[in-house]
Amino acid sequence: MKRSKTPDCAGRAVFGVPLDVNQQRHGQPLPQCVLYAMRRLRRAAADAVGVFRKSGVRSRVAALRQQLEADPGLLYAPAWRSGSAGSH
């Protein structure tokens, strides 16, 4: 019988954490920052064209990822300010 490996997600808060582990930790399958991003996209992207056409700047993506790992409840990261995702 084949055993499935449980991924080592110690030290991780958002990225690389299985959804069932997130459910156990926080009572919801998706991290709060992902839910916030989905709500924001639903509101802002309805009238936008080509929202996902252009890749993010690698350094900004890495900075945002680091911020979200440090504080998974973060709903508005400073790294979002300089791009269209942070504009109101």
N, C-alpha and C. Protein backbone atom coordinates (compact mmCIF):
# COMPACT_ATOMS: atom_id res chain seq x y z
N MET A 1 0.84 -1.17 0.00
CA MET A 1 0.00 0.00 0.00
C MET A 1 0.89 1.24 0.00
N LYS A 2 0.58 2.16 -0.85
CA LYS A 2 1.37 3.38 -1.01
C LYS A 2 0.95 4.42 0.02
N ARG A 3 1.93 4.97 0.69
CA ARG A 3 1.65 6.04 1.66
C ARG A 3 1.77 7.39 0.99
N SER A 4 0.84 8.24 1.31
CA SER A 4 0.96 9.60 0.78
C SER A 4 1.76 10.42 1.79
N LYS A 5 2.66 11.21 1.26
CA LYS A 5 3.49 12.05 2.12
C LYS A 5 2.71 13.29 2.52
N THR A 6 2.81 13.62 3.78
CA THR A 6 2.24 14.87 4.25
C THR A 6 3.29 15.94 4.03
N PRO A 7 2.97 16.98 3.28
CA PRO A 7 3.97 18.02 3.02
C PRO A 7 4.39 18.71 4.30
N ASP A 8 5.66 19.03 4.36
CA ASP A 8 6.19 19.75 5.52
C ASP A 8 5.87 21.23 5.33
N CYS A 9 4.92 21.72 6.08
CA CYS A 9 4.53 23.13 5.95
C CYS A 9 4.86 23.90 7.22
N ALA A 10 5.76 23.35 8.01
CA ALA A 10 6.20 24.06 9.22
C ALA A 10 6.94 25.32 8.80
N GLY A 11 6.63 26.41 9.43
CA GLY A 11 7.27 27.68 9.09
C GLY A 11 6.60 28.39 7.93
N ARG A 12 5.58 27.80 7.37
CA ARG A 12 4.83 28.43 6.27
C ARG A 12 3.46 28.82 6.77
N ALA A 13 2.96 29.90 6.26
CA ALA A 13 1.64 30.37 6.69
C ALA A 13 0.63 30.39 5.55
N VAL A 14 1.09 30.65 4.34
CA VAL A 14 0.18 30.81 3.21
C VAL A 14 0.59 29.91 2.05
N PHE A 15 1.76 30.13 1.51
CA PHE A 15 2.20 29.46 0.29
C PHE A 15 2.77 28.08 0.62
N GLY A 16 2.30 27.07 -0.10
CA GLY A 16 2.77 25.71 0.11
C GLY A 16 2.06 24.98 1.23
N VAL A 17 1.03 25.58 1.79
CA VAL A 17 0.26 24.95 2.86
C VAL A 17 -0.97 24.31 2.23
N PRO A 18 -1.17 23.01 2.43
CA PRO A 18 -2.36 22.36 1.87
C PRO A 18 -3.64 23.00 2.41
N LEU A 19 -4.68 22.98 1.59
CA LEU A 19 -5.94 23.62 1.98
C LEU A 19 -6.54 23.00 3.23
N ASP A 20 -6.39 21.67 3.39
CA ASP A 20 -6.95 21.04 4.59
C ASP A 20 -6.20 21.48 5.85
N VAL A 21 -4.91 21.73 5.74
CA VAL A 21 -4.13 22.24 6.88
C VAL A 21 -4.59 23.65 7.22
N ASN A 22 -4.81 24.47 6.19
CA ASN A 22 -5.31 25.83 6.42
C ASN A 22 -6.68 25.78 7.09
N GLN A 23 -7.52 24.84 6.67
CA GLN A 23 -8.84 24.67 7.28
C GLN A 23 -8.71 24.35 8.77
N GLN A 24 -7.79 23.47 9.10
CA GLN A 24 -7.57 23.11 10.51
C GLN A 24 -7.03 24.29 11.31
N ARG A 25 -6.12 25.04 10.72
CA ARG A 25 -5.50 26.16 11.44
C ARG A 25 -6.44 27.34 11.64
N HIS A 26 -7.21 27.68 10.60
CA HIS A 26 -7.95 28.94 10.60
C HIS A 26 -9.46 28.81 10.45
N GLY A 27 -9.94 27.58 10.22
CA GLY A 27 -11.38 27.39 10.09
C GLY A 27 -11.94 27.73 8.72
N GLN A 28 -11.08 27.99 7.77
CA GLN A 28 -11.51 28.24 6.39
C GLN A 28 -10.45 27.69 5.46
N PRO A 29 -10.85 27.15 4.32
CA PRO A 29 -9.88 26.49 3.44
C PRO A 29 -8.90 27.43 2.75
N LEU A 30 -9.29 28.65 2.51
CA LEU A 30 -8.41 29.60 1.83
C LEU A 30 -7.89 30.64 2.81
N PRO A 31 -6.63 31.05 2.65
CA PRO A 31 -6.10 32.11 3.51
C PRO A 31 -6.89 33.41 3.31
N GLN A 32 -6.95 34.21 4.36
CA GLN A 32 -7.71 35.45 4.33
C GLN A 32 -7.23 36.37 3.20
N CYS A 33 -5.92 36.41 2.96
CA CYS A 33 -5.40 37.29 1.91
C CYS A 33 -5.89 36.84 0.53
N VAL A 34 -6.08 35.54 0.32
CA VAL A 34 -6.59 35.04 -0.96
C VAL A 34 -8.06 35.42 -1.11
N LEU A 35 -8.82 35.26 -0.06
CA LEU A 35 -10.24 35.65 -0.10
C LEU A 35 -10.39 37.14 -0.40
N TYR A 36 -9.53 37.95 0.23
CA TYR A 36 -9.56 39.40 -0.02
C TYR A 36 -9.24 39.69 -1.49
N ALA A 37 -8.23 39.04 -2.02
CA ALA A 37 -7.85 39.25 -3.42
C ALA A 37 -8.98 38.85 -4.36
N MET A 38 -9.65 37.76 -4.05
CA MET A 38 -10.78 37.32 -4.89
C MET A 38 -11.92 38.33 -4.86
N ARG A 39 -12.24 38.85 -3.67
CA ARG A 39 -13.30 39.87 -3.57
C ARG A 39 -12.93 41.12 -4.36
N ARG A 40 -11.67 41.53 -4.22
CA ARG A 40 -11.20 42.73 -4.91
C ARG A 40 -11.26 42.55 -6.43
N LEU A 41 -10.86 41.39 -6.90
CA LEU A 41 -10.92 41.12 -8.33
C LEU A 41 -12.36 41.12 -8.84
N ARG A 42 -13.26 40.54 -8.06
CA ARG A 42 -14.66 40.53 -8.47
C ARG A 42 -15.20 41.94 -8.65
N ARG A 43 -14.82 42.83 -7.72
CA ARG A 43 -15.30 44.22 -7.79
C ARG A 43 -14.60 45.01 -8.89
N ALA A 44 -13.28 44.95 -8.91
CA ALA A 44 -12.50 45.83 -9.78
C ALA A 44 -12.33 45.31 -11.20
N ALA A 45 -12.30 44.02 -11.36
CA ALA A 45 -11.95 43.46 -12.67
C ALA A 45 -13.15 43.24 -13.58
N ALA A 46 -14.33 43.50 -13.10
CA ALA A 46 -15.51 43.27 -13.92
C ALA A 46 -15.47 44.10 -15.20
N ASP A 47 -14.96 45.31 -15.12
CA ASP A 47 -14.90 46.19 -16.28
C ASP A 47 -13.51 46.28 -16.89
N ALA A 48 -12.54 45.57 -16.32
CA ALA A 48 -11.16 45.64 -16.79
C ALA A 48 -10.92 44.63 -17.91
N VAL A 49 -10.02 44.98 -18.78
CA VAL A 49 -9.63 44.10 -19.88
C VAL A 49 -8.17 43.74 -19.69
N GLY A 50 -7.86 42.46 -19.78
CA GLY A 50 -6.48 42.01 -19.72
C GLY A 50 -5.85 42.06 -18.35
N VAL A 51 -6.61 41.80 -17.31
CA VAL A 51 -6.09 41.89 -15.95
C VAL A 51 -4.91 40.94 -15.73
N PHE A 52 -4.95 39.76 -16.32
CA PHE A 52 -3.91 38.76 -16.09
C PHE A 52 -2.92 38.63 -17.25
N ARG A 53 -2.91 39.57 -18.16
CA ARG A 53 -2.02 39.48 -19.32
C ARG A 53 -0.57 39.73 -18.98
N LYS A 54 -0.29 40.63 -18.10
CA LYS A 54 1.08 41.03 -17.80
C LYS A 54 1.53 40.42 -16.48
N SER A 55 2.69 39.78 -16.50
CA SER A 55 3.24 39.20 -15.28
C SER A 55 3.70 40.31 -14.34
N GLY A 56 3.68 39.98 -13.06
CA GLY A 56 4.15 40.93 -12.06
C GLY A 56 5.67 41.03 -12.07
N VAL A 57 6.18 42.10 -11.54
CA VAL A 57 7.62 42.29 -11.39
C VAL A 57 8.09 41.32 -10.32
N ARG A 58 9.09 40.54 -10.64
CA ARG A 58 9.55 39.46 -9.76
C ARG A 58 9.88 39.95 -8.35
N SER A 59 10.54 41.10 -8.24
CA SER A 59 10.93 41.61 -6.92
C SER A 59 9.70 42.01 -6.10
N ARG A 60 8.69 42.59 -6.74
CA ARG A 60 7.46 42.97 -6.03
C ARG A 60 6.66 41.75 -5.62
N VAL A 61 6.64 40.73 -6.48
CA VAL A 61 5.94 39.49 -6.14
C VAL A 61 6.62 38.83 -4.95
N ALA A 62 7.95 38.78 -4.96
CA ALA A 62 8.70 38.18 -3.85
C ALA A 62 8.48 38.96 -2.55
N ALA A 63 8.46 40.29 -2.63
CA ALA A 63 8.23 41.11 -1.44
C ALA A 63 6.83 40.88 -0.88
N LEU A 64 5.84 40.82 -1.75
CA LEU A 64 4.47 40.59 -1.32
C LEU A 64 4.33 39.21 -0.69
N ARG A 65 4.95 38.22 -1.31
CA ARG A 65 4.90 36.86 -0.76
C ARG A 65 5.51 36.82 0.64
N GLN A 66 6.63 37.50 0.81
CA GLN A 66 7.30 37.54 2.11
C GLN A 66 6.40 38.22 3.16
N GLN A 67 5.75 39.30 2.77
CA GLN A 67 4.86 40.01 3.69
C GLN A 67 3.68 39.15 4.09
N LEU A 68 3.11 38.42 3.14
CA LEU A 68 1.95 37.57 3.44
C LEU A 68 2.34 36.36 4.28
N GLU A 69 3.54 35.84 4.09
CA GLU A 69 4.01 34.74 4.93
C GLU A 69 4.22 35.23 6.37
N ALA A 70 4.70 36.45 6.52
CA ALA A 70 4.94 37.00 7.85
C ALA A 70 3.62 37.33 8.57
N ASP A 71 2.61 37.77 7.81
CA ASP A 71 1.32 38.15 8.39
C ASP A 71 0.21 37.72 7.44
N PRO A 72 -0.28 36.46 7.55
CA PRO A 72 -1.29 35.96 6.62
C PRO A 72 -2.60 36.73 6.66
N GLY A 73 -2.86 37.45 7.73
CA GLY A 73 -4.09 38.23 7.83
C GLY A 73 -3.98 39.59 7.18
N LEU A 74 -2.82 39.89 6.64
CA LEU A 74 -2.58 41.18 6.01
C LEU A 74 -3.54 41.36 4.83
N LEU A 75 -4.31 42.43 4.86
CA LEU A 75 -5.28 42.65 3.79
C LEU A 75 -4.84 43.72 2.82
N TYR A 76 -3.91 44.54 3.23
CA TYR A 76 -3.43 45.57 2.32
C TYR A 76 -1.94 45.71 2.53
N ALA A 77 -1.18 45.11 1.67
CA ALA A 77 0.27 45.11 1.81
C ALA A 77 0.86 46.36 1.17
N PRO A 78 1.90 46.95 1.80
CA PRO A 78 2.55 48.13 1.23
C PRO A 78 3.05 47.89 -0.19
N ALA A 79 3.42 46.66 -0.54
CA ALA A 79 3.93 46.36 -1.88
C ALA A 79 2.84 46.56 -2.94
N TRP A 80 1.57 46.56 -2.53
CA TRP A 80 0.49 46.72 -3.49
C TRP A 80 0.29 48.18 -3.89
N ARG A 81 0.84 49.10 -3.13
CA ARG A 81 0.56 50.52 -3.35
C ARG A 81 1.02 51.05 -4.69
N SER A 82 2.18 50.61 -5.17
CA SER A 82 2.73 51.22 -6.37
C SER A 82 2.11 50.67 -7.65
N GLY A 83 1.28 49.64 -7.55
CA GLY A 83 0.66 49.07 -8.73
C GLY A 83 -0.83 49.33 -8.74
N SER A 84 -1.49 48.87 -9.78
CA SER A 84 -2.93 49.09 -9.89
C SER A 84 -3.70 48.29 -8.87
N ALA A 85 -3.12 47.21 -8.32
CA ALA A 85 -3.83 46.41 -7.33
C ALA A 85 -4.04 47.18 -6.04
N GLY A 86 -3.24 48.18 -5.77
CA GLY A 86 -3.36 48.91 -4.53
C GLY A 86 -4.14 50.21 -4.67
N SER A 87 -4.48 50.58 -5.87
CA SER A 87 -5.18 51.85 -6.06
C SER A 87 -6.64 51.71 -5.65
N HIS A 88 -7.21 52.81 -5.22
CA HIS A 88 -8.61 52.78 -4.78
C HIS A 88 -9.51 53.41 -5.79
